[in-house]
Amino acid sequence: AYYRANKADRLAAFGGCIALNRECDVETARLIAENYAEVVVA
């Protein structure tokens, strides 16, 4: 879900707020860490 949300607009996602509706797992965290984000909510 995160991969596809980021793919939708990778440029605009830079410095964005990422919200997840499930427990953030290690695989998702590693994908998030590949980019710059301001906020992660879960």
PDB file of all heavy atoms in Angstrom:
ATOM      1  N   ALA A   1       0.838  -1.207   0.000  1.00  0.00           N
ATOM      2  CA  ALA A   1       0.000   0.000   0.000  1.00  0.00           C
ATOM      3  C   ALA A   1       0.871   1.254   0.000  1.00  0.00           C
ATOM      4  O   ALA A   1       0.629   2.193  -0.770  1.00  0.00           O
ATOM      5  CB  ALA A   1      -0.929  -0.011   1.207  1.00  0.00           C
ATOM      6  N   TYR A   2       1.908   1.258   0.849  1.00  0.00           N
ATOM      7  CA  TYR A   2       2.792   2.433   0.872  1.00  0.00           C
ATOM      8  C   TYR A   2       3.545   2.573  -0.449  1.00  0.00           C
ATOM      9  O   TYR A   2       3.668   3.678  -0.999  1.00  0.00           O
ATOM     10  CB  TYR A   2       3.794   2.353   2.022  1.00  0.00           C
ATOM     11  CG  TYR A   2       4.851   3.418   1.874  1.00  0.00           C
ATOM     12  CD1 TYR A   2       4.553   4.756   2.121  1.00  0.00           C
ATOM     13  CD2 TYR A   2       6.131   3.102   1.394  1.00  0.00           C
ATOM     14  CE1 TYR A   2       5.502   5.748   1.914  1.00  0.00           C
ATOM     15  CE2 TYR A   2       7.082   4.090   1.189  1.00  0.00           C
ATOM     16  CZ  TYR A   2       6.765   5.413   1.448  1.00  0.00           C
ATOM     17  OH  TYR A   2       7.700   6.389   1.231  1.00  0.00           O
ATOM     18  N   TYR A   3       4.057   1.470  -0.967  1.00  0.00           N
ATOM     19  CA  TYR A   3       4.799   1.503  -2.234  1.00  0.00           C
ATOM     20  C   TYR A   3       3.950   2.135  -3.332  1.00  0.00           C
ATOM     21  O   TYR A   3       4.414   2.991  -4.087  1.00  0.00           O
ATOM     22  CB  TYR A   3       5.212   0.087  -2.617  1.00  0.00           C
ATOM     23  CG  TYR A   3       5.880  -0.033  -3.970  1.00  0.00           C
ATOM     24  CD1 TYR A   3       7.239   0.179  -4.124  1.00  0.00           C
ATOM     25  CD2 TYR A   3       5.125  -0.359  -5.107  1.00  0.00           C
ATOM     26  CE1 TYR A   3       7.847   0.072  -5.364  1.00  0.00           C
ATOM     27  CE2 TYR A   3       5.721  -0.475  -6.354  1.00  0.00           C
ATOM     28  CZ  TYR A   3       7.085  -0.261  -6.477  1.00  0.00           C
ATOM     29  OH  TYR A   3       7.677  -0.356  -7.719  1.00  0.00           O
ATOM     30  N   ARG A   4       2.686   1.736  -3.426  1.00  0.00           N
ATOM     31  CA  ARG A   4       1.817   2.221  -4.490  1.00  0.00           C
ATOM     32  C   ARG A   4       1.382   3.666  -4.245  1.00  0.00           C
ATOM     33  O   ARG A   4       1.208   4.436  -5.202  1.00  0.00           O
ATOM     34  CB  ARG A   4       0.614   1.296  -4.640  1.00  0.00           C
ATOM     35  CG  ARG A   4       1.029  -0.127  -5.012  1.00  0.00           C
ATOM     36  CD  ARG A   4      -0.156  -1.074  -5.077  1.00  0.00           C
ATOM     37  NE  ARG A   4      -0.959  -0.795  -6.254  1.00  0.00           N
ATOM     38  CZ  ARG A   4      -2.285  -0.740  -6.242  1.00  0.00           C
ATOM     39  NH1 ARG A   4      -2.953  -0.913  -5.113  1.00  0.00           N
ATOM     40  NH2 ARG A   4      -2.946  -0.500  -7.346  1.00  0.00           N
ATOM     41  N   ALA A   5       1.202   4.044  -2.984  1.00  0.00           N
ATOM     42  CA  ALA A   5       0.878   5.442  -2.676  1.00  0.00           C
ATOM     43  C   ALA A   5       2.043   6.348  -3.031  1.00  0.00           C
ATOM     44  O   ALA A   5       1.858   7.447  -3.575  1.00  0.00           O
ATOM     45  CB  ALA A   5       0.520   5.586  -1.202  1.00  0.00           C
ATOM     46  N   ASN A   6       3.255   5.911  -2.755  1.00  0.00           N
ATOM     47  CA  ASN A   6       4.440   6.690  -3.083  1.00  0.00           C
ATOM     48  C   ASN A   6       4.648   6.754  -4.594  1.00  0.00           C
ATOM     49  O   ASN A   6       5.023   7.794  -5.143  1.00  0.00           O
ATOM     50  CB  ASN A   6       5.660   6.076  -2.406  1.00  0.00           C
ATOM     51  CG  ASN A   6       6.921   6.895  -2.613  1.00  0.00           C
ATOM     52  OD1 ASN A   6       6.987   8.056  -2.238  1.00  0.00           O
ATOM     53  ND2 ASN A   6       7.936   6.286  -3.213  1.00  0.00           N
ATOM     54  N   LYS A   7       4.373   5.650  -5.272  1.00  0.00           N
ATOM     55  CA  LYS A   7       4.510   5.609  -6.729  1.00  0.00           C
ATOM     56  C   LYS A   7       3.566   6.586  -7.407  1.00  0.00           C
ATOM     57  O   LYS A   7       3.885   7.140  -8.469  1.00  0.00           O
ATOM     58  CB  LYS A   7       4.231   4.182  -7.219  1.00  0.00           C
ATOM     59  CG  LYS A   7       4.312   4.009  -8.723  1.00  0.00           C
ATOM     60  CD  LYS A   7       3.994   2.574  -9.135  1.00  0.00           C
ATOM     61  CE  LYS A   7       4.049   2.400 -10.650  1.00  0.00           C
ATOM     62  NZ  LYS A   7       3.741   1.008 -11.058  1.00  0.00           N
ATOM     63  N   ALA A   8       2.406   6.836  -6.806  1.00  0.00           N
ATOM     64  CA  ALA A   8       1.409   7.724  -7.415  1.00  0.00           C
ATOM     65  C   ALA A   8       1.950   9.127  -7.642  1.00  0.00           C
ATOM     66  O   ALA A   8       1.582   9.792  -8.612  1.00  0.00           O
ATOM     67  CB  ALA A   8       0.158   7.779  -6.541  1.00  0.00           C
ATOM     68  N   ASP A   9       2.821   9.595  -6.752  1.00  0.00           N
ATOM     69  CA  ASP A   9       3.409  10.930  -6.907  1.00  0.00           C
ATOM     70  C   ASP A   9       4.659  11.003  -6.044  1.00  0.00           C
ATOM     71  O   ASP A   9       4.671  11.607  -4.977  1.00  0.00           O
ATOM     72  CB  ASP A   9       2.405  12.019  -6.504  1.00  0.00           C
ATOM     73  CG  ASP A   9       2.839  13.399  -6.976  1.00  0.00           C
ATOM     74  OD1 ASP A   9       4.036  13.586  -7.250  1.00  0.00           O
ATOM     75  OD2 ASP A   9       1.970  14.293  -7.059  1.00  0.00           O
ATOM     76  N   ARG A  10       5.714  10.368  -6.536  1.00  0.00           N
ATOM     77  CA  ARG A  10       6.954  10.271  -5.766  1.00  0.00           C
ATOM     78  C   ARG A  10       7.543  11.633  -5.452  1.00  0.00           C
ATOM     79  O   ARG A  10       8.101  11.859  -4.377  1.00  0.00           O
ATOM     80  CB  ARG A  10       7.964   9.432  -6.561  1.00  0.00           C
ATOM     81  CG  ARG A  10       9.216   9.028  -5.820  1.00  0.00           C
ATOM     82  CD  ARG A  10      10.211   8.398  -6.782  1.00  0.00           C
ATOM     83  NE  ARG A  10      10.606   9.342  -7.810  1.00  0.00           N
ATOM     84  CZ  ARG A  10      11.558  10.257  -7.639  1.00  0.00           C
ATOM     85  NH1 ARG A  10      12.194  10.348  -6.484  1.00  0.00           N
ATOM     86  NH2 ARG A  10      11.862  11.089  -8.611  1.00  0.00           N
ATOM     87  N   LEU A  11       7.409  12.584  -6.388  1.00  0.00           N
ATOM     88  CA  LEU A  11       7.982  13.914  -6.183  1.00  0.00           C
ATOM     89  C   LEU A  11       7.259  14.670  -5.076  1.00  0.00           C
ATOM     90  O   LEU A  11       7.887  15.244  -4.183  1.00  0.00           O
ATOM     91  CB  LEU A  11       7.937  14.713  -7.491  1.00  0.00           C
ATOM     92  CG  LEU A  11       8.893  14.241  -8.596  1.00  0.00           C
ATOM     93  CD1 LEU A  11       8.658  15.053  -9.857  1.00  0.00           C
ATOM     94  CD2 LEU A  11      10.334  14.369  -8.144  1.00  0.00           C
ATOM     95  N   ALA A  12       5.935  14.696  -5.135  1.00  0.00           N
ATOM     96  CA  ALA A  12       5.174  15.436  -4.130  1.00  0.00           C
ATOM     97  C   ALA A  12       5.293  14.797  -2.757  1.00  0.00           C
ATOM     98  O   ALA A  12       5.168  15.479  -1.735  1.00  0.00           O
ATOM     99  CB  ALA A  12       3.710  15.534  -4.538  1.00  0.00           C
ATOM    100  N   ALA A  13       5.536  13.478  -2.717  1.00  0.00           N
ATOM    101  CA  ALA A  13       5.642  12.790  -1.430  1.00  0.00           C
ATOM    102  C   ALA A  13       6.870  13.218  -0.652  1.00  0.00           C
ATOM    103  O   ALA A  13       6.935  12.999   0.574  1.00  0.00           O
ATOM    104  CB  ALA A  13       5.674  11.282  -1.658  1.00  0.00           C
ATOM    105  N   PHE A  14       7.838  13.832  -1.302  1.00  0.00           N
ATOM    106  CA  PHE A  14       9.054  14.302  -0.624  1.00  0.00           C
ATOM    107  C   PHE A  14       8.686  15.317   0.459  1.00  0.00           C
ATOM    108  O   PHE A  14       8.070  16.340   0.190  1.00  0.00           O
ATOM    109  CB  PHE A  14      10.003  14.940  -1.645  1.00  0.00           C
ATOM    110  CG  PHE A  14      11.298  15.436  -1.071  1.00  0.00           C
ATOM    111  CD1 PHE A  14      12.374  14.583  -0.928  1.00  0.00           C
ATOM    112  CD2 PHE A  14      11.428  16.753  -0.661  1.00  0.00           C
ATOM    113  CE1 PHE A  14      13.574  15.043  -0.395  1.00  0.00           C
ATOM    114  CE2 PHE A  14      12.618  17.224  -0.129  1.00  0.00           C
ATOM    115  CZ  PHE A  14      13.696  16.365   0.006  1.00  0.00           C
ATOM    116  N   GLY A  15       9.047  15.010   1.700  1.00  0.00           N
ATOM    117  CA  GLY A  15       8.742  15.919   2.803  1.00  0.00           C
ATOM    118  C   GLY A  15       7.306  15.860   3.263  1.00  0.00           C
ATOM    119  O   GLY A  15       6.841  16.768   3.958  1.00  0.00           O
ATOM    120  N   GLY A  16       6.584  14.795   2.906  1.00  0.00           N
ATOM    121  CA  GLY A  16       5.178  14.711   3.262  1.00  0.00           C
ATOM    122  C   GLY A  16       4.923  14.038   4.591  1.00  0.00           C
ATOM    123  O   GLY A  16       5.842  13.658   5.329  1.00  0.00           O
ATOM    124  N   CYS A  17       3.640  13.913   4.894  1.00  0.00           N
ATOM    125  CA  CYS A  17       3.174  13.216   6.089  1.00  0.00           C
ATOM    126  C   CYS A  17       2.598  11.876   5.647  1.00  0.00           C
ATOM    127  O   CYS A  17       1.683  11.831   4.822  1.00  0.00           O
ATOM    128  CB  CYS A  17       2.111  14.046   6.810  1.00  0.00           C
ATOM    129  SG  CYS A  17       1.265  13.160   8.135  1.00  0.00           S
ATOM    130  N   ILE A  18       3.137  10.798   6.190  1.00  0.00           N
ATOM    131  CA  ILE A  18       2.712   9.445   5.834  1.00  0.00           C
ATOM    132  C   ILE A  18       1.866   8.884   6.969  1.00  0.00           C
ATOM    133  O   ILE A  18       2.310   8.846   8.120  1.00  0.00           O
ATOM    134  CB  ILE A  18       3.924   8.534   5.596  1.00  0.00           C
ATOM    135  CG1 ILE A  18       4.796   9.089   4.471  1.00  0.00           C
ATOM    136  CG2 ILE A  18       3.476   7.105   5.291  1.00  0.00           C
ATOM    137  CD1 ILE A  18       6.176   8.473   4.407  1.00  0.00           C
ATOM    138  N   ALA A  19       0.660   8.458   6.662  1.00  0.00           N
ATOM    139  CA  ALA A  19      -0.222   7.870   7.670  1.00  0.00           C
ATOM    140  C   ALA A  19      -0.570   6.449   7.258  1.00  0.00           C
ATOM    141  O   ALA A  19      -0.933   6.201   6.103  1.00  0.00           O
ATOM    142  CB  ALA A  19      -1.487   8.703   7.844  1.00  0.00           C
ATOM    143  N   LEU A  20      -0.469   5.535   8.201  1.00  0.00           N
ATOM    144  CA  LEU A  20      -0.709   4.118   7.967  1.00  0.00           C
ATOM    145  C   LEU A  20      -1.805   3.641   8.900  1.00  0.00           C
ATOM    146  O   LEU A  20      -1.809   4.004  10.078  1.00  0.00           O
ATOM    147  CB  LEU A  20       0.572   3.313   8.220  1.00  0.00           C
ATOM    148  CG  LEU A  20       1.847   3.857   7.572  1.00  0.00           C
ATOM    149  CD1 LEU A  20       3.074   3.141   8.127  1.00  0.00           C
ATOM    150  CD2 LEU A  20       1.776   3.699   6.053  1.00  0.00           C
ATOM    151  N   ASN A  21      -2.710   2.817   8.412  1.00  0.00           N
ATOM    152  CA  ASN A  21      -3.824   2.380   9.256  1.00  0.00           C
ATOM    153  C   ASN A  21      -3.591   1.016   9.905  1.00  0.00           C
ATOM    154  O   ASN A  21      -4.513   0.451  10.486  1.00  0.00           O
ATOM    155  CB  ASN A  21      -5.137   2.374   8.472  1.00  0.00           C
ATOM    156  CG  ASN A  21      -5.186   1.291   7.409  1.00  0.00           C
ATOM    157  OD1 ASN A  21      -4.171   0.690   7.060  1.00  0.00           O
ATOM    158  ND2 ASN A  21      -6.379   1.048   6.873  1.00  0.00           N
ATOM    159  N   ARG A  22      -2.382   0.497   9.789  1.00  0.00           N
ATOM    160  CA  ARG A  22      -1.999  -0.736  10.464  1.00  0.00           C
ATOM    161  C   ARG A  22      -0.662  -0.511  11.170  1.00  0.00           C
ATOM    162  O   ARG A  22       0.030   0.480  10.912  1.00  0.00           O
ATOM    163  CB  ARG A  22      -1.857  -1.896   9.471  1.00  0.00           C
ATOM    164  CG  ARG A  22      -3.109  -2.263   8.697  1.00  0.00           C
ATOM    165  CD  ARG A  22      -4.151  -2.934   9.577  1.00  0.00           C
ATOM    166  NE  ARG A  22      -5.220  -3.546   8.781  1.00  0.00           N
ATOM    167  CZ  ARG A  22      -6.306  -2.919   8.340  1.00  0.00           C
ATOM    168  NH1 ARG A  22      -6.464  -1.622   8.597  1.00  0.00           N
ATOM    169  NH2 ARG A  22      -7.235  -3.566   7.645  1.00  0.00           N
ATOM    170  N   GLU A  23      -0.284  -1.433  12.045  1.00  0.00           N
ATOM    171  CA  GLU A  23       1.024  -1.359  12.683  1.00  0.00           C
ATOM    172  C   GLU A  23       2.108  -1.264  11.614  1.00  0.00           C
ATOM    173  O   GLU A  23       2.124  -2.046  10.660  1.00  0.00           O
ATOM    174  CB  GLU A  23       1.262  -2.596  13.544  1.00  0.00           C
ATOM    175  CG  GLU A  23       2.636  -2.638  14.188  1.00  0.00           C
ATOM    176  CD  GLU A  23       2.880  -3.924  14.952  1.00  0.00           C
ATOM    177  OE1 GLU A  23       3.151  -4.956  14.295  1.00  0.00           O
ATOM    178  OE2 GLU A  23       2.789  -3.899  16.193  1.00  0.00           O
ATOM    179  N   CYS A  24       3.004  -0.301  11.766  1.00  0.00           N
ATOM    180  CA  CYS A  24       4.093  -0.133  10.807  1.00  0.00           C
ATOM    181  C   CYS A  24       5.099  -1.266  11.006  1.00  0.00           C
ATOM    182  O   CYS A  24       5.706  -1.388  12.069  1.00  0.00           O
ATOM    183  CB  CYS A  24       4.768   1.225  10.993  1.00  0.00           C
ATOM    184  SG  CYS A  24       6.103   1.536   9.815  1.00  0.00           S
ATOM    185  N   ASP A  25       5.272  -2.088   9.988  1.00  0.00           N
ATOM    186  CA  ASP A  25       6.203  -3.209  10.080  1.00  0.00           C
ATOM    187  C   ASP A  25       7.558  -2.811   9.508  1.00  0.00           C
ATOM    188  O   ASP A  25       7.738  -1.731   8.938  1.00  0.00           O
ATOM    189  CB  ASP A  25       5.643  -4.440   9.370  1.00  0.00           C
ATOM    190  CG  ASP A  25       5.235  -4.156   7.924  1.00  0.00           C
ATOM    191  OD1 ASP A  25       5.970  -3.427   7.228  1.00  0.00           O
ATOM    192  OD2 ASP A  25       4.176  -4.644   7.491  1.00  0.00           O
ATOM    193  N   VAL A  26       8.533  -3.699   9.666  1.00  0.00           N
ATOM    194  CA  VAL A  26       9.899  -3.393   9.265  1.00  0.00           C
ATOM    195  C   VAL A  26       9.995  -3.178   7.756  1.00  0.00           C
ATOM    196  O   VAL A  26      10.695  -2.271   7.295  1.00  0.00           O
ATOM    197  CB  VAL A  26      10.844  -4.523   9.729  1.00  0.00           C
ATOM    198  CG1 VAL A  26      12.223  -4.369   9.087  1.00  0.00           C
ATOM    199  CG2 VAL A  26      10.978  -4.522  11.253  1.00  0.00           C
ATOM    200  N   GLU A  27       9.301  -3.993   6.981  1.00  0.00           N
ATOM    201  CA  GLU A  27       9.361  -3.857   5.524  1.00  0.00           C
ATOM    202  C   GLU A  27       8.860  -2.486   5.076  1.00  0.00           C
ATOM    203  O   GLU A  27       9.474  -1.826   4.221  1.00  0.00           O
ATOM    204  CB  GLU A  27       8.546  -4.957   4.859  1.00  0.00           C
ATOM    205  CG  GLU A  27       8.649  -4.957   3.339  1.00  0.00           C
ATOM    206  CD  GLU A  27       7.888  -6.095   2.690  1.00  0.00           C
ATOM    207  OE1 GLU A  27       7.261  -6.890   3.423  1.00  0.00           O
ATOM    208  OE2 GLU A  27       7.907  -6.192   1.454  1.00  0.00           O
ATOM    209  N   THR A  28       7.746  -2.038   5.655  1.00  0.00           N
ATOM    210  CA  THR A  28       7.214  -0.715   5.307  1.00  0.00           C
ATOM    211  C   THR A  28       8.156   0.378   5.773  1.00  0.00           C
ATOM    212  O   THR A  28       8.393   1.357   5.058  1.00  0.00           O
ATOM    213  CB  THR A  28       5.821  -0.527   5.934  1.00  0.00           C
ATOM    214  OG1 THR A  28       4.966  -1.587   5.531  1.00  0.00           O
ATOM    215  CG2 THR A  28       5.207   0.802   5.508  1.00  0.00           C
ATOM    216  N   ALA A  29       8.715   0.234   6.974  1.00  0.00           N
ATOM    217  CA  ALA A  29       9.642   1.240   7.504  1.00  0.00           C
ATOM    218  C   ALA A  29      10.863   1.397   6.612  1.00  0.00           C
ATOM    219  O   ALA A  29      11.347   2.518   6.390  1.00  0.00           O
ATOM    220  CB  ALA A  29      10.061   0.857   8.919  1.00  0.00           C
ATOM    221  N   ARG A  30      11.363   0.301   6.084  1.00  0.00           N
ATOM    222  CA  ARG A  30      12.535   0.384   5.203  1.00  0.00           C
ATOM    223  C   ARG A  30      12.214   1.135   3.919  1.00  0.00           C
ATOM    224  O   ARG A  30      13.033   1.919   3.414  1.00  0.00           O
ATOM    225  CB  ARG A  30      13.039  -1.025   4.884  1.00  0.00           C
ATOM    226  CG  ARG A  30      13.781  -1.676   6.055  1.00  0.00           C
ATOM    227  CD  ARG A  30      14.173  -3.101   5.747  1.00  0.00           C
ATOM    228  NE  ARG A  30      14.934  -3.696   6.852  1.00  0.00           N
ATOM    229  CZ  ARG A  30      15.003  -4.986   7.099  1.00  0.00           C
ATOM    230  NH1 ARG A  30      14.339  -5.858   6.316  1.00  0.00           N
ATOM    231  NH2 ARG A  30      15.724  -5.445   8.106  1.00  0.00           N
ATOM    232  N   LEU A  31      11.014   0.922   3.384  1.00  0.00           N
ATOM    233  CA  LEU A  31      10.609   1.668   2.193  1.00  0.00           C
ATOM    234  C   LEU A  31      10.474   3.156   2.505  1.00  0.00           C
ATOM    235  O   LEU A  31      10.917   4.004   1.722  1.00  0.00           O
ATOM    236  CB  LEU A  31       9.278   1.123   1.667  1.00  0.00           C
ATOM    237  CG  LEU A  31       9.303  -0.262   1.031  1.00  0.00           C
ATOM    238  CD1 LEU A  31       7.881  -0.716   0.699  1.00  0.00           C
ATOM    239  CD2 LEU A  31      10.169  -0.284  -0.222  1.00  0.00           C
ATOM    240  N   ILE A  32       9.884   3.470   3.642  1.00  0.00           N
ATOM    241  CA  ILE A  32       9.722   4.875   4.040  1.00  0.00           C
ATOM    242  C   ILE A  32      11.083   5.542   4.205  1.00  0.00           C
ATOM    243  O   ILE A  32      11.292   6.694   3.803  1.00  0.00           O
ATOM    244  CB  ILE A  32       8.908   4.968   5.341  1.00  0.00           C
ATOM    245  CG1 ILE A  32       7.447   4.570   5.087  1.00  0.00           C
ATOM    246  CG2 ILE A  32       8.973   6.376   5.944  1.00  0.00           C
ATOM    247  CD1 ILE A  32       6.609   4.444   6.339  1.00  0.00           C
ATOM    248  N   ALA A  33      12.042   4.806   4.784  1.00  0.00           N
ATOM    249  CA  ALA A  33      13.362   5.373   5.069  1.00  0.00           C
ATOM    250  C   ALA A  33      14.163   5.663   3.806  1.00  0.00           C
ATOM    251  O   ALA A  33      15.173   6.371   3.865  1.00  0.00           O
ATOM    252  CB  ALA A  33      14.138   4.426   5.986  1.00  0.00           C
ATOM    253  N   GLU A  34      13.734   5.123   2.662  1.00  0.00           N
ATOM    254  CA  GLU A  34      14.428   5.410   1.408  1.00  0.00           C
ATOM    255  C   GLU A  34      14.187   6.832   0.934  1.00  0.00           C
ATOM    256  O   GLU A  34      14.911   7.337   0.064  1.00  0.00           O
ATOM    257  CB  GLU A  34      13.973   4.422   0.323  1.00  0.00           C
ATOM    258  CG  GLU A  34      14.416   2.988   0.568  1.00  0.00           C
ATOM    259  CD  GLU A  34      13.886   2.039  -0.488  1.00  0.00           C
ATOM    260  OE1 GLU A  34      13.166   2.517  -1.397  1.00  0.00           O
ATOM    261  OE2 GLU A  34      14.174   0.835  -0.408  1.00  0.00           O
ATOM    262  N   ASN A  35      13.159   7.486   1.478  1.00  0.00           N
ATOM    263  CA  ASN A  35      12.790   8.831   1.053  1.00  0.00           C
ATOM    264  C   ASN A  35      12.837   9.782   2.249  1.00  0.00           C
ATOM    265  O   ASN A  35      13.050   9.360   3.380  1.00  0.00           O
ATOM    266  CB  ASN A  35      11.380   8.822   0.450  1.00  0.00           C
ATOM    267  CG  ASN A  35      11.262   7.832  -0.687  1.00  0.00           C
ATOM    268  OD1 ASN A  35      12.004   7.917  -1.653  1.00  0.00           O
ATOM    269  ND2 ASN A  35      10.345   6.882  -0.565  1.00  0.00           N
ATOM    270  N   TYR A  36      12.617  11.056   1.968  1.00  0.00           N
ATOM    271  CA  TYR A  36      12.551  12.048   3.038  1.00  0.00           C
ATOM    272  C   TYR A  36      11.091  12.319   3.374  1.00  0.00           C
ATOM    273  O   TYR A  36      10.294  12.659   2.499  1.00  0.00           O
ATOM    274  CB  TYR A  36      13.231  13.354   2.619  1.00  0.00           C
ATOM    275  CG  TYR A  36      12.983  14.480   3.593  1.00  0.00           C
ATOM    276  CD1 TYR A  36      13.508  14.439   4.883  1.00  0.00           C
ATOM    277  CD2 TYR A  36      12.183  15.570   3.236  1.00  0.00           C
ATOM    278  CE1 TYR A  36      13.260  15.463   5.782  1.00  0.00           C
ATOM    279  CE2 TYR A  36      11.934  16.594   4.122  1.00  0.00           C
ATOM    280  CZ  TYR A  36      12.475  16.532   5.397  1.00  0.00           C
ATOM    281  OH  TYR A  36      12.215  17.541   6.291  1.00  0.00           O
ATOM    282  N   ALA A  37      10.742  12.150   4.635  1.00  0.00           N
ATOM    283  CA  ALA A  37       9.390  12.453   5.101  1.00  0.00           C
ATOM    284  C   ALA A  37       9.483  13.308   6.360  1.00  0.00           C
ATOM    285  O   ALA A  37      10.468  13.238   7.103  1.00  0.00           O
ATOM    286  CB  ALA A  37       8.613  11.170   5.391  1.00  0.00           C
ATOM    287  N   GLU A  38       8.470  14.098   6.593  1.00  0.00           N
ATOM    288  CA  GLU A  38       8.408  14.921   7.800  1.00  0.00           C
ATOM    289  C   GLU A  38       7.774  14.158   8.958  1.00  0.00           C
ATOM    290  O   GLU A  38       8.207  14.270  10.099  1.00  0.00           O
ATOM    291  CB  GLU A  38       7.592  16.193   7.535  1.00  0.00           C
ATOM    292  CG  GLU A  38       8.321  17.263   6.748  1.00  0.00           C
ATOM    293  CD  GLU A  38       9.153  18.167   7.647  1.00  0.00           C
ATOM    294  OE1 GLU A  38       8.848  18.262   8.846  1.00  0.00           O
ATOM    295  OE2 GLU A  38      10.106  18.781   7.125  1.00  0.00           O
ATOM    296  N   VAL A  39       6.720  13.393   8.658  1.00  0.00           N
ATOM    297  CA  VAL A  39       5.913  12.770   9.709  1.00  0.00           C
ATOM    298  C   VAL A  39       5.517  11.361   9.278  1.00  0.00           C
ATOM    299  O   VAL A  39       5.208  11.132   8.107  1.00  0.00           O
ATOM    300  CB  VAL A  39       4.625  13.599   9.985  1.00  0.00           C
ATOM    301  CG1 VAL A  39       3.755  12.914  11.028  1.00  0.00           C
ATOM    302  CG2 VAL A  39       4.972  15.015  10.423  1.00  0.00           C
ATOM    303  N   VAL A  40       5.543  10.440  10.236  1.00  0.00           N
ATOM    304  CA  VAL A  40       4.945   9.113  10.043  1.00  0.00           C
ATOM    305  C   VAL A  40       3.977   8.879  11.195  1.00  0.00           C
ATOM    306  O   VAL A  40       4.343   9.036  12.367  1.00  0.00           O
ATOM    307  CB  VAL A  40       5.991   7.991  10.010  1.00  0.00           C
ATOM    308  CG1 VAL A  40       5.305   6.624   9.929  1.00  0.00           C
ATOM    309  CG2 VAL A  40       6.940   8.165   8.836  1.00  0.00           C
ATOM    310  N   VAL A  41       2.747   8.533  10.855  1.00  0.00           N
ATOM    311  CA  VAL A  41       1.694   8.301  11.831  1.00  0.00           C
ATOM    312  C   VAL A  41       1.186   6.880  11.680  1.00  0.00           C
ATOM    313  O   VAL A  41       0.922   6.430  10.560  1.00  0.00           O
ATOM    314  CB  VAL A  41       0.523   9.296  11.640  1.00  0.00           C
ATOM    315  CG1 VAL A  41      -0.598   9.025  12.626  1.00  0.00           C
ATOM    316  CG2 VAL A  41       1.012  10.723  11.774  1.00  0.00           C
ATOM    317  N   ALA A  42       1.033   6.173  12.787  1.00  0.00           N
ATOM    318  CA  ALA A  42       0.498   4.813  12.758  1.00  0.00           C
ATOM    319  C   ALA A  42      -0.067   4.480  14.131  1.00  0.00           C
ATOM    320  O   ALA A  42       0.287   5.123  15.130  1.00  0.00           O
ATOM    321  CB  ALA A  42       1.578   3.808  12.360  1.00  0.00           C
TER     322      ALA A  42
END
